[in-house]
PDB file of N, CA and C in Angstrom:
ATOM      1  N   MET A   1       0.852  -1.165   0.000  1.00  0.00           N
ATOM      2  CA  MET A   1       0.000   0.000   0.000  1.00  0.00           C
ATOM      3  C   MET A   1       0.899   1.230   0.000  1.00  0.00           C
ATOM      4  N   GLY A   2       0.572   2.196  -0.847  1.00  0.00           N
ATOM      5  CA  GLY A   2       1.346   3.422  -0.932  1.00  0.00           C
ATOM      6  C   GLY A   2       0.900   4.442   0.106  1.00  0.00           C
ATOM      7  N   VAL A   3       1.751   5.391   0.342  1.00  0.00           N
ATOM      8  CA  VAL A   3       1.448   6.484   1.267  1.00  0.00           C
ATOM      9  C   VAL A   3       1.484   7.774   0.478  1.00  0.00           C
ATOM     10  N   THR A   4       0.420   8.565   0.596  1.00  0.00           N
ATOM     11  CA  THR A   4       0.314   9.842  -0.088  1.00  0.00           C
ATOM     12  C   THR A   4      -0.153  10.883   0.909  1.00  0.00           C
ATOM     13  N   SER A   5       0.497  12.023   0.900  1.00  0.00           N
ATOM     14  CA  SER A   5       0.068  13.127   1.763  1.00  0.00           C
ATOM     15  C   SER A   5      -0.835  14.048   0.968  1.00  0.00           C
ATOM     16  N   ILE A   6      -1.844  14.575   1.627  1.00  0.00           N
ATOM     17  CA  ILE A   6      -2.727  15.542   0.966  1.00  0.00           C
ATOM     18  C   ILE A   6      -2.956  16.720   1.903  1.00  0.00           C
ATOM     19  N   ARG A   7      -3.279  17.848   1.317  1.00  0.00           N
ATOM     20  CA  ARG A   7      -3.686  19.018   2.084  1.00  0.00           C
ATOM     21  C   ARG A   7      -5.159  19.214   1.807  1.00  0.00           C
ATOM     22  N   LEU A   8      -5.931  19.216   2.864  1.00  0.00           N
ATOM     23  CA  LEU A   8      -7.366  19.410   2.715  1.00  0.00           C
ATOM     24  C   LEU A   8      -7.708  20.885   2.832  1.00  0.00           C
ATOM     25  N   ASN A   9      -8.590  21.335   1.959  1.00  0.00           N
ATOM     26  CA  ASN A   9      -9.112  22.690   2.090  1.00  0.00           C
ATOM     27  C   ASN A   9      -9.891  22.791   3.381  1.00  0.00           C
ATOM     28  N   SER A  10      -9.895  23.966   3.959  1.00  0.00           N
ATOM     29  CA  SER A  10     -10.559  24.142   5.254  1.00  0.00           C
ATOM     30  C   SER A  10     -12.047  23.820   5.176  1.00  0.00           C
ATOM     31  N   GLU A  11     -12.663  24.045   4.021  1.00  0.00           N
ATOM     32  CA  GLU A  11     -14.099  23.753   3.909  1.00  0.00           C
ATOM     33  C   GLU A  11     -14.384  22.249   3.851  1.00  0.00           C
ATOM     34  N   ILE A  12     -13.360  21.446   3.641  1.00  0.00           N
ATOM     35  CA  ILE A  12     -13.496  19.992   3.633  1.00  0.00           C
ATOM     36  C   ILE A  12     -13.144  19.396   4.995  1.00  0.00           C
ATOM     37  N   GLU A  13     -12.198  19.987   5.664  1.00  0.00           N
ATOM     38  CA  GLU A  13     -11.681  19.431   6.920  1.00  0.00           C
ATOM     39  C   GLU A  13     -12.766  19.239   7.979  1.00  0.00           C
ATOM     40  N   LYS A  14     -13.578  20.238   8.226  1.00  0.00           N
ATOM     41  CA  LYS A  14     -14.600  20.144   9.276  1.00  0.00           C
ATOM     42  C   LYS A  14     -15.668  19.103   8.934  1.00  0.00           C
ATOM     43  N   PRO A  15     -16.266  19.149   7.723  1.00  0.00           N
ATOM     44  CA  PRO A  15     -17.256  18.106   7.395  1.00  0.00           C
ATOM     45  C   PRO A  15     -16.662  16.699   7.425  1.00  0.00           C
ATOM     46  N   LEU A  16     -15.403  16.572   7.031  1.00  0.00           N
ATOM     47  CA  LEU A  16     -14.754  15.266   7.066  1.00  0.00           C
ATOM     48  C   LEU A  16     -14.594  14.792   8.508  1.00  0.00           C
ATOM     49  N   ALA A  17     -14.177  15.689   9.382  1.00  0.00           N
ATOM     50  CA  ALA A  17     -14.042  15.337  10.802  1.00  0.00           C
ATOM     51  C   ALA A  17     -15.397  14.939  11.381  1.00  0.00           C
ATOM     52  N   ASP A  18     -16.435  15.658  10.993  1.00  0.00           N
ATOM     53  CA  ASP A  18     -17.786  15.317  11.466  1.00  0.00           C
ATOM     54  C   ASP A  18     -18.197  13.926  10.988  1.00  0.00           C
ATOM     55  N   LEU A  19     -17.872  13.610   9.723  1.00  0.00           N
ATOM     56  CA  LEU A  19     -18.214  12.297   9.178  1.00  0.00           C
ATOM     57  C   LEU A  19     -17.459  11.176   9.882  1.00  0.00           C
ATOM     58  N   THR A  20     -16.216  11.424  10.241  1.00  0.00           N
ATOM     59  CA  THR A  20     -15.455  10.378  10.930  1.00  0.00           C
ATOM     60  C   THR A  20     -16.135   9.990  12.234  1.00  0.00           C
ATOM     61  N   LYS A  21     -16.671  10.986  12.909  1.00  0.00           N
ATOM     62  CA  LYS A  21     -17.378  10.713  14.174  1.00  0.00           C
ATOM     63  C   LYS A  21     -18.713  10.022  13.912  1.00  0.00           C
ATOM     64  N   LYS A  22     -19.456  10.559  12.957  1.00  0.00           N
ATOM     65  CA  LYS A  22     -20.788  10.018  12.657  1.00  0.00           C
ATOM     66  C   LYS A  22     -20.707   8.559  12.198  1.00  0.00           C
ATOM     67  N   LEU A  23     -19.745   8.260  11.335  1.00  0.00           N
ATOM     68  CA  LEU A  23     -19.640   6.923  10.744  1.00  0.00           C
ATOM     69  C   LEU A  23     -18.688   6.012  11.518  1.00  0.00           C
ATOM     70  N   ASN A  24     -18.024   6.575  12.515  1.00  0.00           N
ATOM     71  CA  ASN A  24     -17.048   5.815  13.300  1.00  0.00           C
ATOM     72  C   ASN A  24     -15.980   5.198  12.383  1.00  0.00           C
ATOM     73  N   ARG A  25     -15.494   6.011  11.478  1.00  0.00           N
ATOM     74  CA  ARG A  25     -14.461   5.609  10.527  1.00  0.00           C
ATOM     75  C   ARG A  25     -13.331   6.629  10.565  1.00  0.00           C
ATOM     76  N   SER A  26     -12.161   6.242  10.140  1.00  0.00           N
ATOM     77  CA  SER A  26     -11.011   7.149  10.117  1.00  0.00           C
ATOM     78  C   SER A  26     -11.061   8.056   8.888  1.00  0.00           C
ATOM     79  N   LYS A  27     -10.311   9.160   8.963  1.00  0.00           N
ATOM     80  CA  LYS A  27     -10.169  10.024   7.785  1.00  0.00           C
ATOM     81  C   LYS A  27      -9.570   9.225   6.634  1.00  0.00           C
ATOM     82  N   ASN A  28      -8.588   8.404   6.948  1.00  0.00           N
ATOM     83  CA  ASN A  28      -7.951   7.574   5.936  1.00  0.00           C
ATOM     84  C   ASN A  28      -8.980   6.730   5.185  1.00  0.00           C
ATOM     85  N   TYR A  29      -9.862   6.070   5.927  1.00  0.00           N
ATOM     86  CA  TYR A  29     -10.880   5.220   5.302  1.00  0.00           C
ATOM     87  C   TYR A  29     -11.794   6.048   4.399  1.00  0.00           C
ATOM     88  N   LEU A  30     -12.280   7.183   4.920  1.00  0.00           N
ATOM     89  CA  LEU A  30     -13.222   8.000   4.150  1.00  0.00           C
ATOM     90  C   LEU A  30     -12.568   8.587   2.901  1.00  0.00           C
ATOM     91  N   ILE A  31     -11.333   9.027   3.026  1.00  0.00           N
ATOM     92  CA  ILE A  31     -10.632   9.586   1.866  1.00  0.00           C
ATOM     93  C   ILE A  31     -10.381   8.492   0.828  1.00  0.00           C
ATOM     94  N   ASN A  32      -9.989   7.307   1.278  1.00  0.00           N
ATOM     95  CA  ASN A  32      -9.794   6.193   0.341  1.00  0.00           C
ATOM     96  C   ASN A  32     -11.082   5.842  -0.384  1.00  0.00           C
ATOM     97  N   GLN A  33     -12.198   5.829   0.336  1.00  0.00           N
ATOM     98  CA  GLN A  33     -13.490   5.532  -0.295  1.00  0.00           C
ATOM     99  C   GLN A  33     -13.841   6.593  -1.331  1.00  0.00           C
ATOM    100  N   ALA A  34     -13.612   7.858  -0.983  1.00  0.00           N
ATOM    101  CA  ALA A  34     -13.921   8.949  -1.909  1.00  0.00           C
ATOM    102  C   ALA A  34     -13.068   8.852  -3.175  1.00  0.00           C
ATOM    103  N   VAL A  35     -11.791   8.580  -3.014  1.00  0.00           N
ATOM    104  CA  VAL A  35     -10.901   8.464  -4.175  1.00  0.00           C
ATOM    105  C   VAL A  35     -11.284   7.249  -5.019  1.00  0.00           C
ATOM    106  N   LYS A  36     -11.598   6.149  -4.351  1.00  0.00           N
ATOM    107  CA  LYS A  36     -12.010   4.932  -5.066  1.00  0.00           C
ATOM    108  C   LYS A  36     -13.247   5.202  -5.925  1.00  0.00           C
ATOM    109  N   GLU A  37     -14.244   5.882  -5.345  1.00  0.00           N
ATOM    110  CA  GLU A  37     -15.460   6.199  -6.094  1.00  0.00           C
ATOM    111  C   GLU A  37     -15.173   7.171  -7.241  1.00  0.00           C
ATOM    112  N   PHE A  38     -14.296   8.145  -7.001  1.00  0.00           N
ATOM    113  CA  PHE A  38     -13.937   9.099  -8.044  1.00  0.00           C
ATOM    114  C   PHE A  38     -13.265   8.390  -9.219  1.00  0.00           C
ATOM    115  N   VAL A  39     -12.305   7.512  -8.918  1.00  0.00           N
ATOM    116  CA  VAL A  39     -11.595   6.783  -9.976  1.00  0.00           C
ATOM    117  C   VAL A  39     -12.565   5.899 -10.757  1.00  0.00           C
ATOM    118  N   ALA A  40     -13.478   5.227 -10.065  1.00  0.00           N
ATOM    119  CA  ALA A  40     -14.461   4.377 -10.743  1.00  0.00           C
ATOM    120  C   ALA A  40     -15.367   5.209 -11.650  1.00  0.00           C
ATOM    121  N   ARG A  41     -15.780   6.378 -11.166  1.00  0.00           N
ATOM    122  CA  ARG A  41     -16.648   7.243 -11.968  1.00  0.00           C
ATOM    123  C   ARG A  41     -15.911   7.754 -13.200  1.00  0.00           C
ATOM    124  N   GLN A  42     -14.627   8.093 -13.041  1.00  0.00           N
ATOM    125  CA  GLN A  42     -13.841   8.543 -14.188  1.00  0.00           C
ATOM    126  C   GLN A  42     -13.715   7.435 -15.226  1.00  0.00           C
ATOM    127  N   ALA A  43     -13.508   6.218 -14.779  1.00  0.00           N
ATOM    128  CA  ALA A  43     -13.417   5.086 -15.708  1.00  0.00           C
ATOM    129  C   ALA A  43     -14.738   4.891 -16.444  1.00  0.00           C
ATOM    130  N   MET A  44     -15.856   5.029 -15.712  1.00  0.00           N
ATOM    131  CA  MET A  44     -17.165   4.885 -16.341  1.00  0.00           C
ATOM    132  C   MET A  44     -17.393   6.009 -17.352  1.00  0.00           C
ATOM    133  N   ASP A  45     -17.006   7.234 -16.978  1.00  0.00           N
ATOM    134  CA  ASP A  45     -17.141   8.360 -17.910  1.00  0.00           C
ATOM    135  C   ASP A  45     -16.303   8.138 -19.161  1.00  0.00           C
ATOM    136  N   GLN A  46     -15.106   7.602 -18.996  1.00  0.00           N
ATOM    137  CA  GLN A  46     -14.240   7.331 -20.147  1.00  0.00           C
ATOM    138  C   GLN A  46     -14.875   6.276 -21.046  1.00  0.00           C
ATOM    139  N   GLY A  47     -15.485   5.267 -20.444  1.00  0.00           N
ATOM    140  CA  GLY A  47     -16.186   4.248 -21.222  1.00  0.00           C
ATOM    141  C   GLY A  47     -17.349   4.833 -22.008  1.00  0.00           C
ATOM    142  N   ARG A  48     -18.090   5.722 -21.367  1.00  0.00           N
ATOM    143  CA  ARG A  48     -19.208   6.382 -22.071  1.00  0.00           C
ATOM    144  C   ARG A  48     -18.698   7.231 -23.222  1.00  0.00           C
ATOM    145  N   TRP A  49     -17.582   7.937 -22.978  1.00  0.00           N
ATOM    146  CA  TRP A  49     -17.011   8.766 -24.032  1.00  0.00           C
ATOM    147  C   TRP A  49     -16.589   7.897 -25.215  1.00  0.00           C
ATOM    148  N   GLN A  50     -15.971   6.756 -24.927  1.00  0.00           N
ATOM    149  CA  GLN A  50     -15.556   5.847 -25.992  1.00  0.00           C
ATOM    150  C   GLN A  50     -16.775   5.341 -26.764  1.00  0.00           C
ATOM    151  N   ASP A  51     -17.848   4.996 -26.043  1.00  0.00           N
ATOM    152  CA  ASP A  51     -19.091   4.561 -26.702  1.00  0.00           C
ATOM    153  C   ASP A  51     -19.638   5.663 -27.602  1.00  0.00           C
ATOM    154  N   THR A  52     -19.559   6.910 -27.133  1.00  0.00           N
ATOM    155  CA  THR A  52     -20.043   8.044 -27.921  1.00  0.00           C
ATOM    156  C   THR A  52     -19.233   8.204 -29.197  1.00  0.00           C
ATOM    157  N   LEU A  53     -17.912   8.105 -29.073  1.00  0.00           N
ATOM    158  CA  LEU A  53     -17.063   8.228 -30.264  1.00  0.00           C
ATOM    159  C   LEU A  53     -17.359   7.125 -31.268  1.00  0.00           C
ATOM    160  N   GLU A  54     -17.574   5.904 -30.777  1.00  0.00           N
ATOM    161  CA  GLU A  54     -17.907   4.795 -31.675  1.00  0.00           C
ATOM    162  C   GLU A  54     -19.262   5.021 -32.344  1.00  0.00           C
ATOM    163  N   ALA A  55     -20.224   5.535 -31.588  1.00  0.00           N
ATOM    164  CA  ALA A  55     -21.546   5.809 -32.163  1.00  0.00           C
ATOM    165  C   ALA A  55     -21.455   6.899 -33.230  1.00  0.00           C
ATOM    166  N   LEU A  56     -20.678   7.933 -32.959  1.00  0.00           N
ATOM    167  CA  LEU A  56     -20.509   8.997 -33.952  1.00  0.00           C
ATOM    168  C   LEU A  56     -19.834   8.472 -35.211  1.00  0.00           C
ATOM    169  N   ASP A  57     -18.896   7.568 -35.040  1.00  0.00           N
ATOM    170  CA  ASP A  57     -18.232   6.947 -36.191  1.00  0.00           C
ATOM    171  C   ASP A  57     -19.231   6.126 -37.000  1.00  0.00           C
ATOM    172  N   ASP A  58     -20.121   5.403 -36.297  1.00  0.00           N
ATOM    173  CA  ASP A  58     -21.160   4.632 -36.995  1.00  0.00           C
ATOM    174  C   ASP A  58     -22.049   5.551 -37.820  1.00  0.00           C
ATOM    175  N   VAL A  59     -22.468   6.665 -37.231  1.00  0.00           N
ATOM    176  CA  VAL A  59     -23.333   7.608 -37.960  1.00  0.00           C
ATOM    177  C   VAL A  59     -22.582   8.176 -39.164  1.00  0.00           C
ATOM    178  N   LYS A  60     -21.330   8.568 -38.933  1.00  0.00           N
ATOM    179  CA  LYS A  60     -20.517   9.137 -40.010  1.00  0.00           C
ATOM    180  C   LYS A  60     -20.387   8.165 -41.181  1.00  0.00           C
ATOM    181  N   ASN A  61     -20.316   6.879 -40.880  1.00  0.00           N
ATOM    182  CA  ASN A  61     -20.140   5.864 -41.917  1.00  0.00           C
ATOM    183  C   ASN A  61     -21.450   5.214 -42.362  1.00  0.00           C
ATOM    184  N   GLY A  62     -22.576   5.798 -41.963  1.00  0.00           N
ATOM    185  CA  GLY A  62     -23.869   5.330 -42.444  1.00  0.00           C
ATOM    186  C   GLY A  62     -24.376   4.061 -41.790  1.00  0.00           C
ATOM    187  N   ARG A  63     -23.769   3.642 -40.691  1.00  0.00           N
ATOM    188  CA  ARG A  63     -24.222   2.441 -39.986  1.00  0.00           C
ATOM    189  C   ARG A  63     -25.273   2.853 -38.949  1.00  0.00           C
ATOM    190  N   VAL A  64     -26.487   3.049 -39.448  1.00  0.00           N
ATOM    191  CA  VAL A  64     -27.589   3.501 -38.586  1.00  0.00           C
ATOM    192  C   VAL A  64     -28.825   2.645 -38.841  1.00  0.00           C
ATOM    193  N   VAL A  65     -29.726   2.666 -37.893  1.00  0.00           N
ATOM    194  CA  VAL A  65     -31.010   1.975 -38.026  1.00  0.00           C
ATOM    195  C   VAL A  65     -32.079   3.053 -38.114  1.00  0.00           C
ATOM    196  N   SER A  66     -32.967   2.925 -39.063  1.00  0.00           N
ATOM    197  CA  SER A  66     -33.998   3.947 -39.243  1.00  0.00           C
ATOM    198  C   SER A  66     -34.978   3.939 -38.077  1.00  0.00           C
ATOM    199  N   SER A  67     -35.556   5.098 -37.817  1.00  0.00           N
ATOM    200  CA  SER A  67     -36.545   5.191 -36.738  1.00  0.00           C
ATOM    201  C   SER A  67     -37.760   4.323 -37.051  1.00  0.00           C
ATOM    202  N   ASP A  68     -38.099   4.173 -38.331  1.00  0.00           N
ATOM    203  CA  ASP A  68     -39.223   3.314 -38.708  1.00  0.00           C
ATOM    204  C   ASP A  68     -38.959   1.865 -38.310  1.00  0.00           C
ATOM    205  N   ALA A  69     -37.739   1.395 -38.544  1.00  0.00           N
ATOM    206  CA  ALA A  69     -37.391   0.013 -38.191  1.00  0.00           C
ATOM    207  C   ALA A  69     -37.442  -0.185 -36.678  1.00  0.00           C
ATOM    208  N   VAL A  70     -36.967   0.803 -35.941  1.00  0.00           N
ATOM    209  CA  VAL A  70     -36.983   0.707 -34.476  1.00  0.00           C
ATOM    210  C   VAL A  70     -38.417   0.712 -33.968  1.00  0.00           C
ATOM    211  N   GLU A  71     -39.250   1.597 -34.505  1.00  0.00           N
ATOM    212  CA  GLU A  71     -40.652   1.666 -34.079  1.00  0.00           C
ATOM    213  C   GLU A  71     -41.386   0.368 -34.395  1.00  0.00           C
ATOM    214  N   LYS A  72     -41.142  -0.182 -35.577  1.00  0.00           N
ATOM    215  CA  LYS A  72     -41.781  -1.444 -35.961  1.00  0.00           C
ATOM    216  C   LYS A  72     -41.363  -2.560 -34.999  1.00  0.00           C
ATOM    217  N   TRP A  73     -40.083  -2.606 -34.666  1.00  0.00           N
ATOM    218  CA  TRP A  73     -39.574  -3.602 -33.720  1.00  0.00           C
ATOM    219  C   TRP A  73     -40.221  -3.419 -32.353  1.00  0.00           C
ATOM    220  N   MET A  74     -40.280  -2.189 -31.881  1.00  0.00           N
ATOM    221  CA  MET A  74     -40.866  -1.934 -30.559  1.00  0.00           C
ATOM    222  C   MET A  74     -42.360  -2.237 -30.537  1.00  0.00           C
ATOM    223  N   ASP A  75     -43.045  -1.931 -31.616  1.00  0.00           N
ATOM    224  CA  ASP A  75     -44.472  -2.250 -31.695  1.00  0.00           C
ATOM    225  C   ASP A  75     -44.710  -3.751 -31.628  1.00  0.00           C
ATOM    226  N   SER A  76     -43.742  -4.531 -32.116  1.00  0.00           N
ATOM    227  CA  SER A  76     -43.907  -5.987 -32.115  1.00  0.00           C
ATOM    228  C   SER A  76     -43.817  -6.563 -30.701  1.00  0.00           C
ATOM    229  N   TRP A  77     -43.334  -5.787 -29.748  1.00  0.00           N
ATOM    230  CA  TRP A  77     -43.235  -6.262 -28.364  1.00  0.00           C
ATOM    231  C   TRP A  77     -44.606  -6.542 -27.758  1.00  0.00           C
ATOM    232  N   ARG A  78     -45.614  -5.925 -28.300  1.00  0.00           N
ATOM    233  CA  ARG A  78     -46.977  -6.077 -27.753  1.00  0.00           C
ATOM    234  C   ARG A  78     -47.628  -7.405 -28.117  1.00  0.00           C
ATOM    235  N   GLY A  79     -47.126  -8.048 -29.145  1.00  0.00           N
ATOM    236  CA  GLY A  79     -47.771  -9.267 -29.625  1.00  0.00           C
ATOM    237  C   GLY A  79     -46.952 -10.516 -29.381  1.00  0.00           C
ATOM    238  N   ASP A  80     -47.426 -11.585 -29.971  1.00  0.00           N
ATOM    239  CA  ASP A  80     -46.746 -12.874 -29.819  1.00  0.00           C
ATOM    240  C   ASP A  80     -45.610 -13.058 -30.819  1.00  0.00           C
ATOM    241  N   ASP A  81     -45.592 -12.248 -31.866  1.00  0.00           N
ATOM    242  CA  ASP A  81     -44.591 -12.388 -32.927  1.00  0.00           C
ATOM    243  C   ASP A  81     -43.559 -11.256 -32.847  1.00  0.00           C
ATOM    244  N   GLU A  82     -42.796 -11.250 -31.760  1.00  0.00           N
ATOM    245  CA  GLU A  82     -41.799 -10.192 -31.594  1.00  0.00           C
ATOM    246  C   GLU A  82     -40.716 -10.320 -32.650  1.00  0.00           C
ATOM    247  N   LEU A  83     -40.401  -9.197 -33.284  1.00  0.00           N
ATOM    248  CA  LEU A  83     -39.355  -9.156 -34.307  1.00  0.00           C
ATOM    249  C   LEU A  83     -37.981  -9.136 -33.661  1.00  0.00           C
ATOM    250  N   SER A  84     -36.984  -9.514 -34.434  1.00  0.00           N
ATOM    251  CA  SER A  84     -35.608  -9.418 -33.980  1.00  0.00           C
ATOM    252  C   SER A  84     -35.176  -7.957 -33.958  1.00  0.00           C
ATOM    253  N   GLN A  85     -34.257  -7.652 -33.098  1.00  0.00           N
ATOM    254  CA  GLN A  85     -33.738  -6.293 -33.013  1.00  0.00           C
ATOM    255  C   GLN A  85     -33.151  -5.898 -34.360  1.00  0.00           C
ATOM    256  N   PRO A  86     -33.519  -4.710 -34.868  1.00  0.00           N
ATOM    257  CA  PRO A  86     -32.996  -4.287 -36.153  1.00  0.00           C
ATOM    258  C   PRO A  86     -31.491  -3.967 -36.051  1.00  0.00           C
ATOM    259  N   THR A  87     -30.774  -4.197 -37.114  1.00  0.00           N
ATOM    260  CA  THR A  87     -29.353  -3.891 -37.164  1.00  0.00           C
ATOM    261  C   THR A  87     -29.047  -3.001 -38.352  1.00  0.00           C
ATOM    262  N   ALA A  88     -27.903  -2.377 -38.280  1.00  0.00           N
ATOM    263  CA  ALA A  88     -27.488  -1.456 -39.362  1.00  0.00           C
ATOM    264  C   ALA A  88     -26.977  -2.235 -40.550  1.00  0.00           C
TER     265      ALA A  88
END
């Protein structure tokens, strides 16, 4: 496990101290949890960004499904003869 020093802004220090008492956890634990959640959220955001770039590339290259095909597929959900998901 690595050791990292941080300087907390004064507006963070008091609420953090209050949380340590309320949750009966150390500052170390709470800061680690916060960083862990931040890193996970950044990874998820990066994944979404990558998905967006791929979708834009699909549109740019004409790999799209028409709204009519999607509506027809969704309308088929109501009956016994559900259609397969439309593809580009």
